[in-house]
Structure formats: structure tokens, C-alpha cells
Amino acid sequence: MRNRSRWLAALLSLALLTAACGDNAAPDHGDYALEPVVGDYDDTPNTVRGALVESVRIGERVLFADRVDPELTEGNGGGLIVGVRGVDNLLSGPQRTALLPFDVLAGYGAIAGNGQQDNESKYKLLSIAILSLPDETQAIAAAQAMAAADFTANIENAPLPVSEYPAALTHWRPGVPTVGSWLVWKNLVIRLYAKVIDPRPELLTDLIARTYRAQLTDLDTFVPTPAADLPKLKLDSDKLLTRVVKTGDYWPDKWDFMVYGPRSYALLRDKPSATLRKLDDGSIGAIAVSYNKFLHRARDVDGALAYADIEEKYSLAADYTPMTAVPGLSGVSCYRATRPNNTSISARRFSCLVHHNEFVVRLYSNQETDIRQQAVAQHALLSGSW
């Protein structure tokens, strides 16, 4: 009976789409489903999924670096830094090796710079990483192990006390404008690495102190998930991912199948604070990423309309030009890239925006026919009544 109902719902959706186009042929949706494809990715406890979800929870509390230095507006990498093989990103090789004996549950981080990577004398950066351990004792031991491994990596390293945070493990190389520091909060390890212009120790310690002060403020109300409860965390409690056109396997993955909050998502972008302002302007509370497609859920219909307008302006400013979408379908606009995107390996030649109610979905493809087919299916997924 359930399958019959789903079949009838799909036929109804096709009929509605046909009527919208005003002819006898339904819009072409290729092989894409017109109704949600259910998945079992949240049905049973899973440690890998739990690590990803907890990492995003931490990511919602990671500090935006331009809060402590207004020049640090450029995103230079980061995101989820704990995978199936442990910590796999952002930290140096000696630090990752030092963490091997520890059970790192989750982690998120971001590197911010001032856009001067090609000029070492003017380049500034601040890298913030937060790791979750099973308890405070293990967090302290992990911080000590990382700090020791980093300290002994160069014989010129020397301790650099930070008076406001005497428990922080901090060191630098005298005369070199970089500093590394570790501080434990509850069962979390905060790791900072910074580069400044002037290698005066008082400037480095001031930056570290201000960063810890702001980061601890952002963590103030955060409640880490106990290790035993991590496998129970749901990736997608609101089933947002099943409302996106299905083009790949349903398996939690930080790049291809994930749900982010606005802060953790913004930290992935080239200009984190500018991205967060854009998301806030559209009252976006969640972003579901599914294989080169991005669903944004706004607080309400007005927020979604505002965000769709923001996204359209972004397309037109990012070397895209409007092209014919799908006749008869409201809330769909499509674009053609005016030149190849050399910064992304994902399909980017064609793009469509589909918005309905509180949802705005950005679709990409390298084939013009395919992007329109995706748009038809995405419209049905958002507007259907099943």
C-alpha cells in the first residue's frame, strides 16, 4: 500500500508539472526521482557518523579570526579535521603523530589569513582547531603530547608564557613571527597557531590571549557530547538530505553528504564572515550538502525569498550569465558559466537555483540538459505533497 501511495504521488507530481508547462509533455527529469528517496544513514548507531556530527557541532563554536584581527578575512582552509583514520587535516605531522595514542572523538578548525600569501613579510594568519577527547584528563594529556612534539621539532623553540592563561602551553622561535599554543577547556583541546608581521613576543602573547578570550566566550554554553552517546547522533534529523536530488550514495561524508549549520559552513568558504552575513541576511539555519548540490533552509518563506535573491546576485557576480530555465516552473532560474572555474574540481559549467517555501537549492552540472533535468526533479521534491 505504501509503494502504491508513493507511485500515485509521483504521478500526481508529474501531472502538476505537465499542467504547469501548458502542453502534453511533462518536463524532462531524466532518471532523477520526483519524490524523496529514503535512506538508512541515520537508522543505526554509527561512530563515524557521530564523529562528523559532533565535529560540526564544534564548528558552530569555532571563532571567526577577524574578531581578533579585522584583517584576517580570507578563509585558507579547514573544516572537519577528524575522519575514519583519526585527525587528518590542519595539524602538522608531528602533532598528528602525537595524537595517535589518543581517542580523538571529533574536531573542527579553520585557517584565516589576510590575503598576502605571496608576500611572506606581510602575510598574517591565525589557525584555530578544537578537538574533543573522551574526558578532561585525556584532553590534558593530548595537549601536552602535541605541544611537546611541536616544541621538539626545532631546537630553537622556547617557551612563551601567556599571563592571562597560565595553563596554556605556548612556544615560539625567538625572532620568528609565529607562535603555537594549546589550552584545555572541559574535554576540548584548543590549538592555536598564528603568524604576525612583527616578531615581538608581547604582540604574539597579546594575540594568543585575545583569541583564547573570544574563543572561550563562544564555547561558554557548549555541551560536548559524551563519548558513549556519539554513535547515536543523527546526521539529518529533519530529513533535509532526502529533499535534494539524489545523485550519489547516501553515506555520511564531510564533502559529499553532510548537514552544516551556518557558522561551520561559512568557515569552509573563501570569505567566512562575508558568507555568514549572507546566510544571516536570508535567515539560513541549515545547509545540506549532497554531491555538488546545496540546500539552504531559511527560517520562513520571506527569508528564503531574500536568500534566493542573494544567491542570484552571487551567480551574476561570479562569471555566470542567465539562461532559459524550465518553462512553466516558478521559482527556478538557471545560469551558464562564462568561463571555466579553475578553482573547483566539481561540475560548475551550469547552475540552477530552485526555491520553494523555506528552501533554496543550488544545483550544478557540466551538462545543460542535465542541469534542467535536475531542476525539474528538485522542483518536484520541494513542492510535492507526499
Protein backbone atom coordinates (compact mmCIF):
# COMPACT_ATOMS: atom_id res chain seq x y z
CA MET A 1 0.00 0.00 0.00
CA ARG A 2 2.86 2.34 0.84
CA ASN A 3 4.53 1.76 -2.54
CA ARG A 4 1.21 2.35 -4.31
CA SER A 5 0.79 5.66 -2.47
CA ARG A 6 4.29 6.75 -3.40
CA TRP A 7 3.67 5.74 -7.05
CA LEU A 8 0.44 7.75 -7.13
CA ALA A 9 2.24 10.72 -5.56
CA ALA A 10 4.87 10.63 -8.29
CA LEU A 11 2.16 10.52 -10.98
CA LEU A 12 0.39 13.44 -9.33
CA SER A 13 3.63 15.42 -9.31
CA LEU A 14 4.15 14.67 -12.99
CA ALA A 15 0.61 15.77 -13.74
CA LEU A 16 1.12 19.04 -11.90
CA LEU A 17 4.35 19.68 -13.75
CA THR A 18 2.67 18.90 -17.07
CA ALA A 19 -0.13 21.34 -16.31
CA ALA A 20 2.38 23.98 -15.34
CA CYS A 21 4.04 23.73 -18.73
CA GLY A 22 0.78 24.01 -20.61
CA ASP A 23 1.39 21.15 -23.07
CA ASN A 24 1.01 17.40 -23.23
CA ALA A 25 4.58 16.53 -22.28
CA ALA A 26 5.86 16.53 -18.73
CA PRO A 27 9.10 18.43 -18.21
CA ASP A 28 12.11 16.21 -18.71
CA HIS A 29 13.51 14.96 -15.41
CA GLY A 30 15.74 12.26 -16.85
CA ASP A 31 16.33 9.45 -14.39
CA TYR A 32 16.02 11.69 -11.36
CA ALA A 33 13.36 10.77 -8.81
CA LEU A 34 10.41 13.13 -8.35
CA GLU A 35 9.86 12.14 -4.75
CA PRO A 36 12.24 11.77 -1.80
CA VAL A 37 14.43 8.68 -1.81
CA VAL A 38 14.59 7.44 1.75
CA GLY A 39 17.92 6.42 3.25
CA ASP A 40 19.01 4.42 6.28
CA TYR A 41 22.07 6.55 7.10
CA ASP A 42 20.58 7.59 10.47
CA ASP A 43 18.82 4.35 11.39
CA THR A 44 21.50 2.59 13.44
CA PRO A 45 24.30 3.78 15.76
CA ASN A 46 27.46 4.70 13.86
CA THR A 47 30.70 6.05 15.31
CA VAL A 48 31.96 7.65 12.08
CA ARG A 49 28.68 9.49 11.59
CA GLY A 50 28.73 10.60 15.22
CA ALA A 51 32.25 11.99 14.85
CA LEU A 52 31.19 14.01 11.82
CA VAL A 53 28.08 15.38 13.52
CA GLU A 54 29.93 16.28 16.72
CA SER A 55 32.65 17.94 14.65
CA VAL A 56 30.04 20.18 13.01
CA ARG A 57 28.60 20.98 16.44
CA ILE A 58 32.08 22.12 17.46
CA GLY A 59 32.41 24.00 14.18
CA GLU A 60 29.39 26.09 15.13
CA ARG A 61 31.51 27.43 18.02
CA VAL A 62 34.87 27.95 16.28
CA LEU A 63 35.90 31.59 16.41
CA PHE A 64 35.96 33.75 13.27
CA ALA A 65 39.51 35.11 13.21
CA ASP A 66 38.57 38.62 12.10
CA ARG A 67 37.04 39.08 15.54
CA VAL A 68 40.58 39.39 16.92
CA ASP A 69 42.24 40.85 13.83
CA PRO A 70 39.98 42.62 11.30
CA GLU A 71 42.48 41.93 8.51
CA LEU A 72 42.02 38.14 8.75
CA THR A 73 39.03 37.93 6.41
CA GLU A 74 40.28 35.29 3.97
CA GLY A 75 39.49 31.61 4.51
CA ASN A 76 42.59 29.49 3.87
CA GLY A 77 41.26 26.01 4.63
CA GLY A 78 39.81 23.96 7.42
CA GLY A 79 36.59 22.20 8.26
CA LEU A 80 36.11 18.77 9.80
CA ILE A 81 39.54 17.50 10.80
CA VAL A 82 38.69 14.07 12.22
CA GLY A 83 37.95 11.15 9.87
CA VAL A 84 37.97 7.39 9.91
CA ARG A 85 41.78 7.44 10.35
CA GLY A 86 41.78 10.00 13.14
CA VAL A 87 42.96 13.58 12.74
CA ASP A 88 43.68 14.04 9.05
CA ASN A 89 43.82 17.79 8.46
CA LEU A 90 45.05 21.18 9.67
CA LEU A 91 47.59 19.93 12.25
CA SER A 92 51.26 19.34 11.50
CA GLY A 93 52.67 15.86 11.01
CA PRO A 94 54.36 15.72 14.44
CA GLN A 95 51.15 16.86 16.13
CA ARG A 96 49.05 14.23 14.32
CA THR A 97 51.60 11.57 15.25
CA ALA A 98 51.43 12.67 18.88
CA LEU A 99 47.66 12.16 18.83
CA LEU A 100 47.82 8.55 17.61
CA PRO A 101 47.59 7.01 21.13
CA PHE A 102 44.51 9.10 21.92
CA ASP A 103 40.86 8.60 21.08
CA VAL A 104 40.06 11.88 19.36
CA LEU A 105 36.29 11.94 19.09
CA ALA A 106 35.73 14.96 16.88
CA GLY A 107 37.34 18.14 15.67
CA TYR A 108 36.84 21.27 13.60
CA GLY A 109 39.17 24.05 12.61
CA ALA A 110 39.81 26.94 10.28
CA ILE A 111 42.74 28.95 8.94
CA ALA A 112 42.25 32.65 8.27
CA GLY A 113 44.66 34.96 6.50
CA ASN A 114 44.98 38.49 5.24
CA GLY A 115 45.32 37.60 1.55
CA GLN A 116 49.08 38.21 1.42
CA GLN A 117 50.25 34.61 0.92
CA ASP A 118 52.62 35.71 -1.85
CA ASN A 119 54.38 38.22 0.39
CA GLU A 120 55.89 36.48 3.41
CA SER A 121 56.86 39.76 5.05
CA LYS A 122 53.24 40.95 5.08
CA TYR A 123 51.36 37.66 5.43
CA LYS A 124 49.40 37.10 8.63
CA LEU A 125 47.37 34.05 9.62
CA LEU A 126 45.52 32.54 12.53
CA SER A 127 44.73 28.83 12.63
CA ILE A 128 42.23 27.60 15.23
CA ALA A 129 41.48 23.93 15.81
CA ILE A 130 39.28 22.40 18.51
CA LEU A 131 39.49 18.69 19.30
CA SER A 132 37.20 16.62 21.50
CA LEU A 133 38.60 13.89 23.76
CA PRO A 134 36.65 11.46 25.98
CA ASP A 135 37.38 13.44 29.17
CA GLU A 136 39.42 16.30 30.58
CA THR A 137 42.27 14.05 31.73
CA GLN A 138 42.80 12.72 28.23
CA ALA A 139 42.43 16.21 26.77
CA ILE A 140 45.23 17.47 29.02
CA ALA A 141 47.46 14.56 28.08
CA ALA A 142 46.75 15.06 24.35
CA ALA A 143 47.50 18.78 24.56
CA GLN A 144 50.77 18.06 26.35
CA ALA A 145 51.74 15.45 23.77
CA MET A 146 51.03 17.79 20.83
CA ALA A 147 52.83 20.70 22.43
CA ALA A 148 55.87 18.54 23.23
CA ALA A 149 56.03 17.09 19.72
CA ASP A 150 55.82 20.55 18.20
CA PHE A 151 58.34 22.03 20.65
CA THR A 152 60.99 19.38 19.98
CA ALA A 153 60.58 19.68 16.19
CA ASN A 154 63.02 22.64 16.28
CA ILE A 155 65.85 23.12 18.75
CA GLU A 156 65.37 26.91 18.67
CA ASN A 157 61.87 26.74 20.15
CA ALA A 158 61.42 28.43 23.53
CA PRO A 159 58.51 28.68 25.98
CA LEU A 160 56.37 31.82 25.76
CA PRO A 161 54.12 32.24 28.83
CA VAL A 162 50.72 33.91 28.41
CA SER A 163 49.97 35.53 31.77
CA GLU A 164 46.21 35.64 31.28
CA TYR A 165 46.17 31.88 30.59
CA PRO A 166 48.96 30.31 32.64
CA ALA A 167 47.68 26.79 31.86
CA ALA A 168 48.23 27.34 28.13
CA LEU A 169 51.22 25.55 26.61
CA THR A 170 52.80 28.14 24.32
CA HIS A 171 56.10 28.42 22.48
CA TRP A 172 57.83 30.29 19.68
CA ARG A 173 61.19 30.65 17.96
CA PRO A 174 62.77 33.92 19.14
CA GLY A 175 62.92 36.36 16.25
CA VAL A 176 60.39 34.40 14.18
CA PRO A 177 56.84 35.91 14.00
CA THR A 178 54.96 32.65 14.68
CA VAL A 179 53.55 31.07 17.81
CA GLY A 180 51.83 27.83 18.77
CA SER A 181 49.62 27.32 21.81
CA TRP A 182 47.38 24.69 23.42
CA LEU A 183 44.69 25.14 26.07
CA VAL A 184 42.21 22.65 27.53
CA TRP A 185 38.56 23.53 28.23
CA LYS A 186 36.49 20.69 29.69
CA ASN A 187 37.28 17.76 27.38
CA LEU A 188 38.26 20.00 24.45
CA VAL A 189 41.74 20.96 23.29
CA ILE A 190 42.03 24.39 21.67
CA ARG A 191 45.09 24.58 19.43
CA LEU A 192 46.22 27.96 18.06
CA TYR A 193 48.89 28.73 15.51
CA ALA A 194 49.49 32.32 14.45
CA LYS A 195 51.80 34.31 12.24
CA VAL A 196 52.17 38.07 12.63
CA ILE A 197 54.35 40.71 10.97
CA ASP A 198 56.41 41.99 13.89
CA PRO A 199 58.13 39.15 15.86
CA ARG A 200 57.87 40.82 19.25
CA PRO A 201 56.84 38.34 21.96
CA GLU A 202 54.42 40.78 23.57
CA LEU A 203 52.48 41.05 20.30
CA LEU A 204 52.30 37.28 19.98
CA THR A 205 51.13 36.76 23.55
CA ASP A 206 48.57 39.54 23.20
CA LEU A 207 47.12 37.89 20.08
CA ILE A 208 47.00 34.48 21.79
CA ALA A 209 45.30 35.94 24.88
CA ARG A 210 42.68 37.82 22.85
CA THR A 211 42.00 34.73 20.74
CA TYR A 212 41.52 32.48 23.78
CA ARG A 213 39.29 35.10 25.41
CA ALA A 214 36.99 35.30 22.38
CA GLN A 215 37.07 31.54 21.70
CA LEU A 216 36.18 30.63 25.28
CA THR A 217 33.30 33.10 25.13
CA ASP A 218 31.95 31.31 22.05
CA LEU A 219 32.33 27.95 23.80
CA ASP A 220 30.70 29.12 27.03
CA THR A 221 27.34 27.34 26.63
CA PHE A 222 28.61 24.41 24.55
CA VAL A 223 27.88 20.97 25.98
CA PRO A 224 30.17 18.30 24.46
CA THR A 225 28.50 15.02 23.62
CA PRO A 226 29.69 12.18 25.90
CA ALA A 227 31.76 9.55 24.08
CA ALA A 228 29.17 6.83 24.74
CA ASP A 229 26.45 8.90 23.07
CA LEU A 230 28.42 9.86 19.98
CA PRO A 231 27.21 6.91 17.78
CA LYS A 232 23.60 7.92 18.49
CA LEU A 233 23.93 11.40 16.98
CA LYS A 234 21.77 11.93 13.90
CA LEU A 235 23.23 13.43 10.77
CA ASP A 236 19.91 14.66 9.39
CA SER A 237 17.08 14.67 11.92
CA ASP A 238 14.93 16.88 9.68
CA LYS A 239 15.50 14.77 6.52
CA LEU A 240 16.89 17.68 4.56
CA LEU A 241 19.24 15.50 2.52
CA THR A 242 16.37 13.45 1.11
CA ARG A 243 14.84 16.67 -0.22
CA VAL A 244 17.82 17.14 -2.53
CA VAL A 245 18.04 15.45 -5.94
CA LYS A 246 19.78 12.11 -5.38
CA THR A 247 22.94 11.66 -7.45
CA GLY A 248 25.16 9.59 -5.17
CA ASP A 249 25.21 7.09 -2.33
CA TYR A 250 23.67 8.02 0.99
CA TRP A 251 26.72 7.81 3.21
CA PRO A 252 27.90 10.47 5.69
CA ASP A 253 30.86 12.33 4.25
CA LYS A 254 32.27 15.75 5.10
CA TRP A 255 32.49 16.76 1.43
CA ASP A 256 29.62 14.93 -0.28
CA PHE A 257 26.85 14.16 2.21
CA MET A 258 26.62 16.37 5.25
CA VAL A 259 24.41 18.87 7.08
CA TYR A 260 26.07 22.04 8.36
CA GLY A 261 24.99 24.94 10.49
CA PRO A 262 25.60 28.45 9.16
CA ARG A 263 28.82 29.12 11.11
CA SER A 264 30.51 25.79 10.37
CA TYR A 265 29.55 26.11 6.71
CA ALA A 266 30.77 29.70 6.43
CA LEU A 267 34.17 28.67 7.79
CA LEU A 268 34.60 26.45 4.73
CA ARG A 269 34.31 29.38 2.34
CA ASP A 270 36.85 31.83 0.93
CA LYS A 271 35.42 34.73 2.94
CA PRO A 272 33.85 33.26 6.10
CA SER A 273 32.43 36.39 7.69
CA ALA A 274 31.02 37.68 4.41
CA THR A 275 29.41 34.28 3.82
CA LEU A 276 27.93 34.23 7.31
CA ARG A 277 26.44 37.69 6.79
CA LYS A 278 24.84 36.45 3.57
CA LEU A 279 23.38 33.44 5.38
CA ASP A 280 22.16 35.61 8.24
CA ASP A 281 20.50 38.02 5.79
CA GLY A 282 18.48 35.08 4.48
CA SER A 283 17.88 33.65 7.97
CA ILE A 284 19.51 30.38 6.88
CA GLY A 285 19.72 27.90 9.74
CA ALA A 286 20.97 24.75 7.99
CA ILE A 287 22.80 23.79 4.80
CA ALA A 288 22.50 20.24 3.45
CA VAL A 289 25.34 19.29 1.09
CA SER A 290 24.68 16.40 -1.27
CA TYR A 291 27.17 15.78 -4.08
CA ASN A 292 27.64 19.24 -5.56
CA LYS A 293 24.15 20.38 -4.55
CA PHE A 294 23.36 22.67 -1.66
CA LEU A 295 20.02 23.00 0.11
CA HIS A 296 19.58 26.06 2.31
CA ARG A 297 16.72 26.10 4.81
CA ALA A 298 15.55 29.54 5.89
CA ARG A 299 13.51 30.42 8.95
CA ASP A 300 10.48 31.26 6.80
CA VAL A 301 9.30 31.95 3.25
CA ASP A 302 10.38 35.60 3.36
CA GLY A 303 13.87 34.56 4.41
CA ALA A 304 14.07 32.07 1.55
CA LEU A 305 12.98 34.70 -0.97
CA ALA A 306 15.61 37.07 0.36
CA TYR A 307 18.27 34.38 0.19
CA ALA A 308 17.28 33.33 -3.34
CA ASP A 309 17.80 36.93 -4.41
CA ILE A 310 21.20 36.98 -2.67
CA GLU A 311 22.20 33.75 -4.44
CA GLU A 312 21.08 35.07 -7.82
CA LYS A 313 23.18 38.20 -7.38
CA TYR A 314 26.10 35.98 -6.37
CA SER A 315 25.74 33.98 -9.60
CA LEU A 316 25.69 37.07 -11.78
CA ALA A 317 28.76 38.41 -9.99
CA ALA A 318 30.66 35.12 -10.28
CA ASP A 319 31.03 34.81 -14.05
CA TYR A 320 27.58 33.32 -14.67
CA THR A 321 25.02 34.63 -17.15
CA PRO A 322 21.27 33.83 -17.13
CA MET A 323 19.94 31.15 -19.47
CA THR A 324 16.50 29.71 -20.12
CA ALA A 325 15.33 27.64 -17.19
CA VAL A 326 12.31 25.29 -17.37
CA PRO A 327 9.24 26.96 -18.90
CA GLY A 328 6.24 26.97 -16.56
CA LEU A 329 8.08 26.20 -13.35
CA SER A 330 8.06 29.03 -10.85
CA GLY A 331 10.97 29.60 -8.51
CA VAL A 332 13.56 28.20 -10.93
CA SER A 333 16.38 30.20 -12.51
CA CYS A 334 19.39 28.84 -14.39
CA TYR A 335 22.81 30.14 -15.34
CA ARG A 336 25.70 29.37 -17.67
CA ALA A 337 29.32 29.97 -16.69
CA THR A 338 31.04 32.46 -18.95
CA ARG A 339 34.41 30.79 -18.38
CA PRO A 340 35.71 27.60 -16.70
CA ASN A 341 36.12 27.62 -12.92
CA ASN A 342 39.74 26.68 -12.31
CA THR A 343 39.32 26.70 -8.53
CA SER A 344 36.93 23.75 -8.28
CA ILE A 345 37.12 20.14 -9.45
CA SER A 346 33.34 19.80 -9.11
CA ALA A 347 30.95 20.37 -12.00
CA ARG A 348 30.37 24.10 -12.34
CA ARG A 349 29.58 24.91 -16.00
CA PHE A 350 25.83 25.20 -15.43
CA SER A 351 23.84 26.09 -12.33
CA CYS A 352 20.20 26.37 -11.33
CA LEU A 353 18.50 27.87 -8.30
CA VAL A 354 15.27 26.30 -7.12
CA HIS A 355 13.33 27.87 -4.27
CA HIS A 356 10.03 26.90 -2.70
CA ASN A 357 8.62 27.77 0.70
CA GLU A 358 11.56 27.94 3.14
CA PHE A 359 14.03 26.13 0.87
CA VAL A 360 16.60 27.38 -1.62
CA VAL A 361 18.62 24.75 -3.51
CA ARG A 362 21.69 25.45 -5.62
CA LEU A 363 22.34 22.79 -8.30
CA TYR A 364 25.41 22.36 -10.52
CA SER A 365 26.24 20.29 -13.58
CA ASN A 366 28.57 20.28 -16.56
CA GLN A 367 25.73 19.38 -18.95
CA GLU A 368 22.97 21.80 -19.95
CA THR A 369 20.31 19.12 -20.38
CA ASP A 370 21.26 17.52 -17.09
CA ILE A 371 21.01 20.75 -15.07
CA ARG A 372 17.48 21.34 -16.34
CA GLN A 373 16.52 17.76 -15.54
CA GLN A 374 17.85 18.22 -12.04
CA ALA A 375 15.90 21.45 -11.70
CA VAL A 376 12.65 19.73 -12.71
CA ALA A 377 13.20 16.94 -10.19
CA GLN A 378 14.28 19.39 -7.48
CA HIS A 379 11.15 21.49 -8.03
CA ALA A 380 9.02 18.37 -7.58
CA LEU A 381 10.90 17.36 -4.45
CA LEU A 382 10.27 20.73 -2.81
CA SER A 383 6.72 21.31 -3.97
CA GLY A 384 5.31 17.75 -3.83
CA SER A 385 2.71 16.77 -1.22
CA TRP A 386 3.84 13.20 -0.39
